[in-house]
Amino acid sequence: MFYITGDTHREQARILELYTRLCASRWGVHDYHIVCGDWGFLWENNADEQQFLDDMARASFTFLFVDGNHENFDALEAYPEEIWHGGRIHRIRPNVIHLMRGQVFEIEGRTFFTFGGAYSIDIAQRLPGRSWWARESPSDAEYAEARANLAAHGNKVDYILTHTCPTSTIVLMGHTPCVQDLRLTDFLEEVRQTVTYRKWFFGHWHADKPLFDNMRLLWFDTEAVS
């Protein structure tokens, strides 16, 4: 089973509550908790966060996340990269895994396309290398890899996991698309129009609501899929 939620922003209490609830439900090695970006548990990359990650590693289930715009990319990308279930990852702990951008993973008989990242509209209040990293926005290589991996799977997956969402979705939610983020959201619009999927999950917008085109905006809600 896959349990998918929105931005955790390094809030340990959310993970501890989930840990308690899911352990009580007898979750095991074939169960996964997924965060749709702004995971944040390497933000300071200090001893407290490392201890918390060690605590997470004791869980019997697996934590997965795509990156958001509020991540410490220097710390995140210092972890070893490897191939896992057909896609590229950073393995933070044996059961704590960053799903890299532009990948298609085959997990428990389901396929997942992953594409994290977004633009920080509060960039003026942030410090490069301390609270903001240019890697929050995808690179040319990541867009190219995403298109190639989707094509290799016949432009068909079961689930899509992103941080932000297609441009048309932003408009229909009543927001104005961010000019600096249009390359990303227009790419996600391309994915929406060309890829067949069962459901699309994203975070970033700090709300919980089901949307058209089998999309689900998540923040505190958790949705289970199999």
C-alpha atoms as a PDB file:
ATOM      1  CA  MET A   1       0.000   0.000   0.000  1.00  0.00           C
ATOM      2  CA  PHE A   2       1.111   3.560  -0.709  1.00  0.00           C
ATOM      3  CA  TYR A   3       0.178   6.431   1.603  1.00  0.00           C
ATOM      4  CA  ILE A   4       0.752   9.830  -0.019  1.00  0.00           C
ATOM      5  CA  THR A   5       0.782  13.227   1.699  1.00  0.00           C
ATOM      6  CA  GLY A   6       1.895  16.816   1.113  1.00  0.00           C
ATOM      7  CA  ASP A   7       4.662  19.081   2.369  1.00  0.00           C
ATOM      8  CA  THR A   8       6.107  18.041   5.729  1.00  0.00           C
ATOM      9  CA  HIS A   9       8.569  20.973   6.048  1.00  0.00           C
ATOM     10  CA  ARG A  10      10.775  19.086   8.540  1.00  0.00           C
ATOM     11  CA  GLU A  11       7.918  18.856  11.034  1.00  0.00           C
ATOM     12  CA  GLN A  12       8.980  15.863  13.095  1.00  0.00           C
ATOM     13  CA  ALA A  13       5.624  15.650  14.877  1.00  0.00           C
ATOM     14  CA  ARG A  14       3.874  14.809  11.596  1.00  0.00           C
ATOM     15  CA  ILE A  15       6.226  11.927  10.920  1.00  0.00           C
ATOM     16  CA  LEU A  16       6.026  10.661  14.508  1.00  0.00           C
ATOM     17  CA  GLU A  17       2.221  10.704  14.390  1.00  0.00           C
ATOM     18  CA  LEU A  18       2.309   8.812  11.114  1.00  0.00           C
ATOM     19  CA  TYR A  19       4.883   6.379  12.482  1.00  0.00           C
ATOM     20  CA  THR A  20       2.715   5.637  15.524  1.00  0.00           C
ATOM     21  CA  ARG A  21      -0.463   5.227  13.499  1.00  0.00           C
ATOM     22  CA  LEU A  22       1.051   3.051  10.801  1.00  0.00           C
ATOM     23  CA  CYS A  23       3.005   0.857  13.177  1.00  0.00           C
ATOM     24  CA  ALA A  24      -0.272   0.243  14.995  1.00  0.00           C
ATOM     25  CA  SER A  25      -1.698  -0.791  11.621  1.00  0.00           C
ATOM     26  CA  ARG A  26       1.109  -3.337  11.252  1.00  0.00           C
ATOM     27  CA  TRP A  27       2.725  -1.722   8.233  1.00  0.00           C
ATOM     28  CA  GLY A  28       5.571  -3.735   6.759  1.00  0.00           C
ATOM     29  CA  VAL A  29       8.243  -3.834   4.088  1.00  0.00           C
ATOM     30  CA  HIS A  30       5.715  -3.673   1.248  1.00  0.00           C
ATOM     31  CA  ASP A  31       4.199  -0.391   2.478  1.00  0.00           C
ATOM     32  CA  TYR A  32       5.349   3.107   1.554  1.00  0.00           C
ATOM     33  CA  HIS A  33       4.830   6.639   2.857  1.00  0.00           C
ATOM     34  CA  ILE A  34       5.337   9.274   0.131  1.00  0.00           C
ATOM     35  CA  VAL A  35       5.789  13.048   0.534  1.00  0.00           C
ATOM     36  CA  CYS A  36       5.105  15.319  -2.459  1.00  0.00           C
ATOM     37  CA  GLY A  37       8.010  17.706  -1.922  1.00  0.00           C
ATOM     38  CA  ASP A  38       9.213  20.157   0.752  1.00  0.00           C
ATOM     39  CA  TRP A  39      10.219  17.135   2.800  1.00  0.00           C
ATOM     40  CA  GLY A  40      12.853  19.242   4.532  1.00  0.00           C
ATOM     41  CA  PHE A  41      14.482  16.855   7.002  1.00  0.00           C
ATOM     42  CA  LEU A  42      17.998  17.807   5.869  1.00  0.00           C
ATOM     43  CA  TRP A  43      17.346  21.554   6.088  1.00  0.00           C
ATOM     44  CA  GLU A  44      19.984  22.252   8.745  1.00  0.00           C
ATOM     45  CA  ASN A  45      21.802  18.942   8.202  1.00  0.00           C
ATOM     46  CA  ASN A  46      22.693  18.954  11.875  1.00  0.00           C
ATOM     47  CA  ALA A  47      22.970  16.318  14.600  1.00  0.00           C
ATOM     48  CA  ASP A  48      19.310  16.589  15.566  1.00  0.00           C
ATOM     49  CA  GLU A  49      18.157  15.941  12.003  1.00  0.00           C
ATOM     50  CA  GLN A  50      20.629  13.074  11.599  1.00  0.00           C
ATOM     51  CA  GLN A  51      19.323  11.479  14.800  1.00  0.00           C
ATOM     52  CA  PHE A  52      15.760  11.854  13.568  1.00  0.00           C
ATOM     53  CA  LEU A  53      16.689  10.167  10.282  1.00  0.00           C
ATOM     54  CA  ASP A  54      18.258   7.335  12.286  1.00  0.00           C
ATOM     55  CA  ASP A  55      14.960   7.026  14.151  1.00  0.00           C
ATOM     56  CA  MET A  56      13.068   6.915  10.845  1.00  0.00           C
ATOM     57  CA  ALA A  57      15.356   4.108   9.712  1.00  0.00           C
ATOM     58  CA  ARG A  58      13.933   1.886  12.460  1.00  0.00           C
ATOM     59  CA  ALA A  59      10.503   1.837  10.814  1.00  0.00           C
ATOM     60  CA  SER A  60       9.477  -1.349   9.057  1.00  0.00           C
ATOM     61  CA  PHE A  61       8.042   0.565   6.087  1.00  0.00           C
ATOM     62  CA  THR A  62       9.729   2.857   3.533  1.00  0.00           C
ATOM     63  CA  PHE A  63       9.708   6.665   3.361  1.00  0.00           C
ATOM     64  CA  LEU A  64       9.828   8.120  -0.158  1.00  0.00           C
ATOM     65  CA  PHE A  65       9.824  11.761  -1.247  1.00  0.00           C
ATOM     66  CA  VAL A  66      10.197  13.977  -4.271  1.00  0.00           C
ATOM     67  CA  ASP A  67      12.024  17.234  -3.649  1.00  0.00           C
ATOM     68  CA  GLY A  68      10.279  20.563  -3.368  1.00  0.00           C
ATOM     69  CA  ASN A  69      11.690  24.066  -3.498  1.00  0.00           C
ATOM     70  CA  HIS A  70      12.382  24.153   0.245  1.00  0.00           C
ATOM     71  CA  GLU A  71      15.126  21.529   0.415  1.00  0.00           C
ATOM     72  CA  ASN A  72      18.831  21.740   1.233  1.00  0.00           C
ATOM     73  CA  PHE A  73      20.064  20.499  -2.124  1.00  0.00           C
ATOM     74  CA  ASP A  74      23.724  20.575  -1.073  1.00  0.00           C
ATOM     75  CA  ALA A  75      22.983  18.115   1.725  1.00  0.00           C
ATOM     76  CA  LEU A  76      20.533  16.062  -0.315  1.00  0.00           C
ATOM     77  CA  GLU A  77      22.846  15.569  -3.281  1.00  0.00           C
ATOM     78  CA  ALA A  78      25.762  14.578  -1.039  1.00  0.00           C
ATOM     79  CA  TYR A  79      24.080  11.201  -0.512  1.00  0.00           C
ATOM     80  CA  PRO A  80      24.954   8.315  -2.849  1.00  0.00           C
ATOM     81  CA  GLU A  81      22.986   7.971  -6.041  1.00  0.00           C
ATOM     82  CA  GLU A  82      21.856   4.549  -7.190  1.00  0.00           C
ATOM     83  CA  ILE A  83      19.249   2.787  -9.284  1.00  0.00           C
ATOM     84  CA  TRP A  84      16.253   1.539  -7.302  1.00  0.00           C
ATOM     85  CA  HIS A  85      13.152  -0.050  -8.836  1.00  0.00           C
ATOM     86  CA  GLY A  86      14.196   1.230 -12.260  1.00  0.00           C
ATOM     87  CA  GLY A  87      14.857   4.881 -11.405  1.00  0.00           C
ATOM     88  CA  ARG A  88      17.560   7.082  -9.889  1.00  0.00           C
ATOM     89  CA  ILE A  89      17.475   7.858  -6.173  1.00  0.00           C
ATOM     90  CA  HIS A  90      19.461   9.346  -3.323  1.00  0.00           C
ATOM     91  CA  ARG A  91      19.417   6.886  -0.454  1.00  0.00           C
ATOM     92  CA  ILE A  92      19.308   8.865   2.785  1.00  0.00           C
ATOM     93  CA  ARG A  93      18.826   5.797   4.965  1.00  0.00           C
ATOM     94  CA  PRO A  94      18.079   2.196   3.948  1.00  0.00           C
ATOM     95  CA  ASN A  95      14.341   2.986   4.025  1.00  0.00           C
ATOM     96  CA  VAL A  96      14.454   6.794   3.475  1.00  0.00           C
ATOM     97  CA  ILE A  97      14.729   7.533  -0.227  1.00  0.00           C
ATOM     98  CA  HIS A  98      14.708  10.636  -2.435  1.00  0.00           C
ATOM     99  CA  LEU A  99      12.994   9.921  -5.765  1.00  0.00           C
ATOM    100  CA  MET A 100      14.921  12.000  -8.281  1.00  0.00           C
ATOM    101  CA  ARG A 101      13.377  14.071 -11.051  1.00  0.00           C
ATOM    102  CA  GLY A 102      12.340  12.611 -14.372  1.00  0.00           C
ATOM    103  CA  GLN A 103      12.275   8.980 -13.241  1.00  0.00           C
ATOM    104  CA  VAL A 104       9.790   6.156 -13.694  1.00  0.00           C
ATOM    105  CA  PHE A 105       9.796   3.677 -10.806  1.00  0.00           C
ATOM    106  CA  GLU A 106       8.125   0.275 -10.793  1.00  0.00           C
ATOM    107  CA  ILE A 107       7.150  -0.512  -7.191  1.00  0.00           C
ATOM    108  CA  GLU A 108       4.849  -3.311  -6.050  1.00  0.00           C
ATOM    109  CA  GLY A 109       3.479  -3.676  -9.576  1.00  0.00           C
ATOM    110  CA  ARG A 110       2.738   0.058 -10.010  1.00  0.00           C
ATOM    111  CA  THR A 111       4.578   2.689 -12.030  1.00  0.00           C
ATOM    112  CA  PHE A 112       5.344   6.163 -10.673  1.00  0.00           C
ATOM    113  CA  PHE A 113       6.641   9.169 -12.616  1.00  0.00           C
ATOM    114  CA  THR A 114       8.450  11.650 -10.377  1.00  0.00           C
ATOM    115  CA  PHE A 115       9.344  15.276 -10.993  1.00  0.00           C
ATOM    116  CA  GLY A 116      10.085  17.496  -8.010  1.00  0.00           C
ATOM    117  CA  GLY A 117      11.062  21.126  -7.769  1.00  0.00           C
ATOM    118  CA  ALA A 118       9.394  24.540  -7.883  1.00  0.00           C
ATOM    119  CA  TYR A 119      10.291  28.220  -7.695  1.00  0.00           C
ATOM    120  CA  SER A 120      10.421  29.995  -4.308  1.00  0.00           C
ATOM    121  CA  ILE A 121       8.345  33.146  -4.534  1.00  0.00           C
ATOM    122  CA  ASP A 122       9.937  34.339  -1.279  1.00  0.00           C
ATOM    123  CA  ILE A 123      13.431  34.207  -2.756  1.00  0.00           C
ATOM    124  CA  ALA A 124      14.137  37.829  -1.783  1.00  0.00           C
ATOM    125  CA  GLN A 125      13.998  36.830   1.898  1.00  0.00           C
ATOM    126  CA  ARG A 126      16.293  33.833   1.493  1.00  0.00           C
ATOM    127  CA  LEU A 127      20.066  33.362   1.516  1.00  0.00           C
ATOM    128  CA  PRO A 128      21.829  31.341  -1.223  1.00  0.00           C
ATOM    129  CA  GLY A 129      23.324  28.169   0.203  1.00  0.00           C
ATOM    130  CA  ARG A 130      21.559  28.716   3.537  1.00  0.00           C
ATOM    131  CA  SER A 131      17.841  28.889   2.846  1.00  0.00           C
ATOM    132  CA  TRP A 132      17.691  28.839  -0.952  1.00  0.00           C
ATOM    133  CA  TRP A 133      19.332  26.738  -3.647  1.00  0.00           C
ATOM    134  CA  ALA A 134      19.205  27.311  -7.399  1.00  0.00           C
ATOM    135  CA  ARG A 135      18.695  23.559  -7.824  1.00  0.00           C
ATOM    136  CA  GLU A 136      15.083  24.046  -6.750  1.00  0.00           C
ATOM    137  CA  SER A 137      14.370  24.543 -10.484  1.00  0.00           C
ATOM    138  CA  PRO A 138      14.930  21.604 -12.871  1.00  0.00           C
ATOM    139  CA  SER A 139      17.800  21.505 -15.350  1.00  0.00           C
ATOM    140  CA  ASP A 140      17.759  20.936 -19.107  1.00  0.00           C
ATOM    141  CA  ALA A 141      19.089  17.419 -18.516  1.00  0.00           C
ATOM    142  CA  GLU A 142      16.258  16.592 -16.117  1.00  0.00           C
ATOM    143  CA  TYR A 143      13.588  17.681 -18.597  1.00  0.00           C
ATOM    144  CA  ALA A 144      15.253  15.614 -21.318  1.00  0.00           C
ATOM    145  CA  GLU A 145      15.565  12.571 -19.062  1.00  0.00           C
ATOM    146  CA  ALA A 146      11.918  12.860 -18.041  1.00  0.00           C
ATOM    147  CA  ARG A 147      10.706  12.902 -21.628  1.00  0.00           C
ATOM    148  CA  ALA A 148      12.942   9.961 -22.541  1.00  0.00           C
ATOM    149  CA  ASN A 149      11.838   7.874 -19.554  1.00  0.00           C
ATOM    150  CA  LEU A 150       8.161   8.561 -20.185  1.00  0.00           C
ATOM    151  CA  ALA A 151       8.571   7.649 -23.847  1.00  0.00           C
ATOM    152  CA  ALA A 152      10.288   4.402 -22.848  1.00  0.00           C
ATOM    153  CA  HIS A 153       7.145   3.541 -20.863  1.00  0.00           C
ATOM    154  CA  GLY A 154       4.821   4.412 -23.723  1.00  0.00           C
ATOM    155  CA  ASN A 155       3.803   7.683 -22.025  1.00  0.00           C
ATOM    156  CA  LYS A 156       1.721   5.684 -19.581  1.00  0.00           C
ATOM    157  CA  VAL A 157       2.146   5.344 -15.795  1.00  0.00           C
ATOM    158  CA  ASP A 158      -0.093   4.554 -12.871  1.00  0.00           C
ATOM    159  CA  TYR A 159       0.744   7.550 -10.681  1.00  0.00           C
ATOM    160  CA  ILE A 160       2.454  10.916 -11.049  1.00  0.00           C
ATOM    161  CA  LEU A 161       4.224  12.503  -8.071  1.00  0.00           C
ATOM    162  CA  THR A 162       5.271  16.157  -8.321  1.00  0.00           C
ATOM    163  CA  HIS A 163       5.686  19.148  -6.041  1.00  0.00           C
ATOM    164  CA  THR A 164       3.923  21.787  -8.104  1.00  0.00           C
ATOM    165  CA  CYS A 165       1.388  21.184 -10.878  1.00  0.00           C
ATOM    166  CA  PRO A 166       0.510  22.012 -14.512  1.00  0.00           C
ATOM    167  CA  THR A 167      -0.107  25.609 -15.523  1.00  0.00           C
ATOM    168  CA  SER A 168      -3.787  24.990 -16.297  1.00  0.00           C
ATOM    169  CA  THR A 169      -4.284  23.462 -12.853  1.00  0.00           C
ATOM    170  CA  ILE A 170      -2.818  26.547 -11.210  1.00  0.00           C
ATOM    171  CA  VAL A 171      -5.248  28.763 -13.123  1.00  0.00           C
ATOM    172  CA  LEU A 172      -8.264  26.589 -12.347  1.00  0.00           C
ATOM    173  CA  MET A 173      -7.335  26.600  -8.641  1.00  0.00           C
ATOM    174  CA  GLY A 174      -7.677  30.392  -8.824  1.00  0.00           C
ATOM    175  CA  HIS A 175      -3.968  31.261  -8.711  1.00  0.00           C
ATOM    176  CA  THR A 176      -1.780  33.237 -11.100  1.00  0.00           C
ATOM    177  CA  PRO A 177       1.091  31.187 -12.548  1.00  0.00           C
ATOM    178  CA  CYS A 178       4.523  32.413 -11.457  1.00  0.00           C
ATOM    179  CA  VAL A 179       6.471  33.691 -14.458  1.00  0.00           C
ATOM    180  CA  GLN A 180       9.748  32.319 -13.070  1.00  0.00           C
ATOM    181  CA  ASP A 181       8.178  28.866 -12.736  1.00  0.00           C
ATOM    182  CA  LEU A 182       6.481  28.706 -16.127  1.00  0.00           C
ATOM    183  CA  ARG A 183       9.061  26.460 -17.719  1.00  0.00           C
ATOM    184  CA  LEU A 184       8.358  23.827 -15.061  1.00  0.00           C
ATOM    185  CA  THR A 185       4.589  24.216 -14.914  1.00  0.00           C
ATOM    186  CA  ASP A 186       4.353  24.305 -18.717  1.00  0.00           C
ATOM    187  CA  PHE A 187       6.373  21.078 -18.825  1.00  0.00           C
ATOM    188  CA  LEU A 188       3.936  19.538 -16.347  1.00  0.00           C
ATOM    189  CA  GLU A 189       1.138  20.779 -18.603  1.00  0.00           C
ATOM    190  CA  GLU A 190       2.800  18.871 -21.447  1.00  0.00           C
ATOM    191  CA  VAL A 191       2.845  15.777 -19.234  1.00  0.00           C
ATOM    192  CA  ARG A 192      -0.829  16.236 -18.379  1.00  0.00           C
ATOM    193  CA  GLN A 193      -1.751  16.387 -22.053  1.00  0.00           C
ATOM    194  CA  THR A 194       0.468  13.570 -23.347  1.00  0.00           C
ATOM    195  CA  VAL A 195       0.741  10.987 -20.543  1.00  0.00           C
ATOM    196  CA  THR A 196      -1.946   8.525 -19.505  1.00  0.00           C
ATOM    197  CA  TYR A 197      -2.119   8.140 -15.714  1.00  0.00           C
ATOM    198  CA  ARG A 198      -4.486   6.885 -13.030  1.00  0.00           C
ATOM    199  CA  LYS A 199      -3.915   9.693 -10.545  1.00  0.00           C
ATOM    200  CA  TRP A 200      -1.620  12.690 -10.063  1.00  0.00           C
ATOM    201  CA  PHE A 201      -0.535  13.831  -6.588  1.00  0.00           C
ATOM    202  CA  PHE A 202       1.170  17.132  -5.769  1.00  0.00           C
ATOM    203  CA  GLY A 203       1.766  19.515  -2.851  1.00  0.00           C
ATOM    204  CA  HIS A 204       3.290  23.022  -2.753  1.00  0.00           C
ATOM    205  CA  TRP A 205       0.018  24.976  -2.569  1.00  0.00           C
ATOM    206  CA  HIS A 206      -0.704  24.277   1.125  1.00  0.00           C
ATOM    207  CA  ALA A 207      -4.237  23.003   0.746  1.00  0.00           C
ATOM    208  CA  ASP A 208      -6.071  19.678   0.582  1.00  0.00           C
ATOM    209  CA  LYS A 209      -8.562  19.096  -2.196  1.00  0.00           C
ATOM    210  CA  PRO A 210      -9.431  16.681  -5.015  1.00  0.00           C
ATOM    211  CA  LEU A 211      -9.229  18.280  -8.451  1.00  0.00           C
ATOM    212  CA  PHE A 212     -10.201  17.565 -12.057  1.00  0.00           C
ATOM    213  CA  ASP A 213      -8.224  15.193 -14.312  1.00  0.00           C
ATOM    214  CA  ASN A 214      -7.728  12.757 -11.397  1.00  0.00           C
ATOM    215  CA  MET A 215      -5.425  15.199  -9.616  1.00  0.00           C
ATOM    216  CA  ARG A 216      -5.115  15.458  -5.845  1.00  0.00           C
ATOM    217  CA  LEU A 217      -3.621  18.441  -4.017  1.00  0.00           C
ATOM    218  CA  LEU A 218      -2.223  17.349  -0.663  1.00  0.00           C
ATOM    219  CA  TRP A 219      -0.914  19.091   2.421  1.00  0.00           C
ATOM    220  CA  PHE A 220      -1.992  17.434   5.684  1.00  0.00           C
ATOM    221  CA  ASP A 221      -4.322  14.843   4.178  1.00  0.00           C
ATOM    222  CA  THR A 222      -3.007  11.367   3.463  1.00  0.00           C
ATOM    223  CA  GLU A 223      -4.410   9.357   0.569  1.00  0.00           C
ATOM    224  CA  ALA A 224      -3.994   5.606   0.274  1.00  0.00           C
ATOM    225  CA  VAL A 225      -3.597   3.880  -3.088  1.00  0.00           C
ATOM    226  CA  SER A 226      -2.696   0.326  -3.991  1.00  0.00           C
END
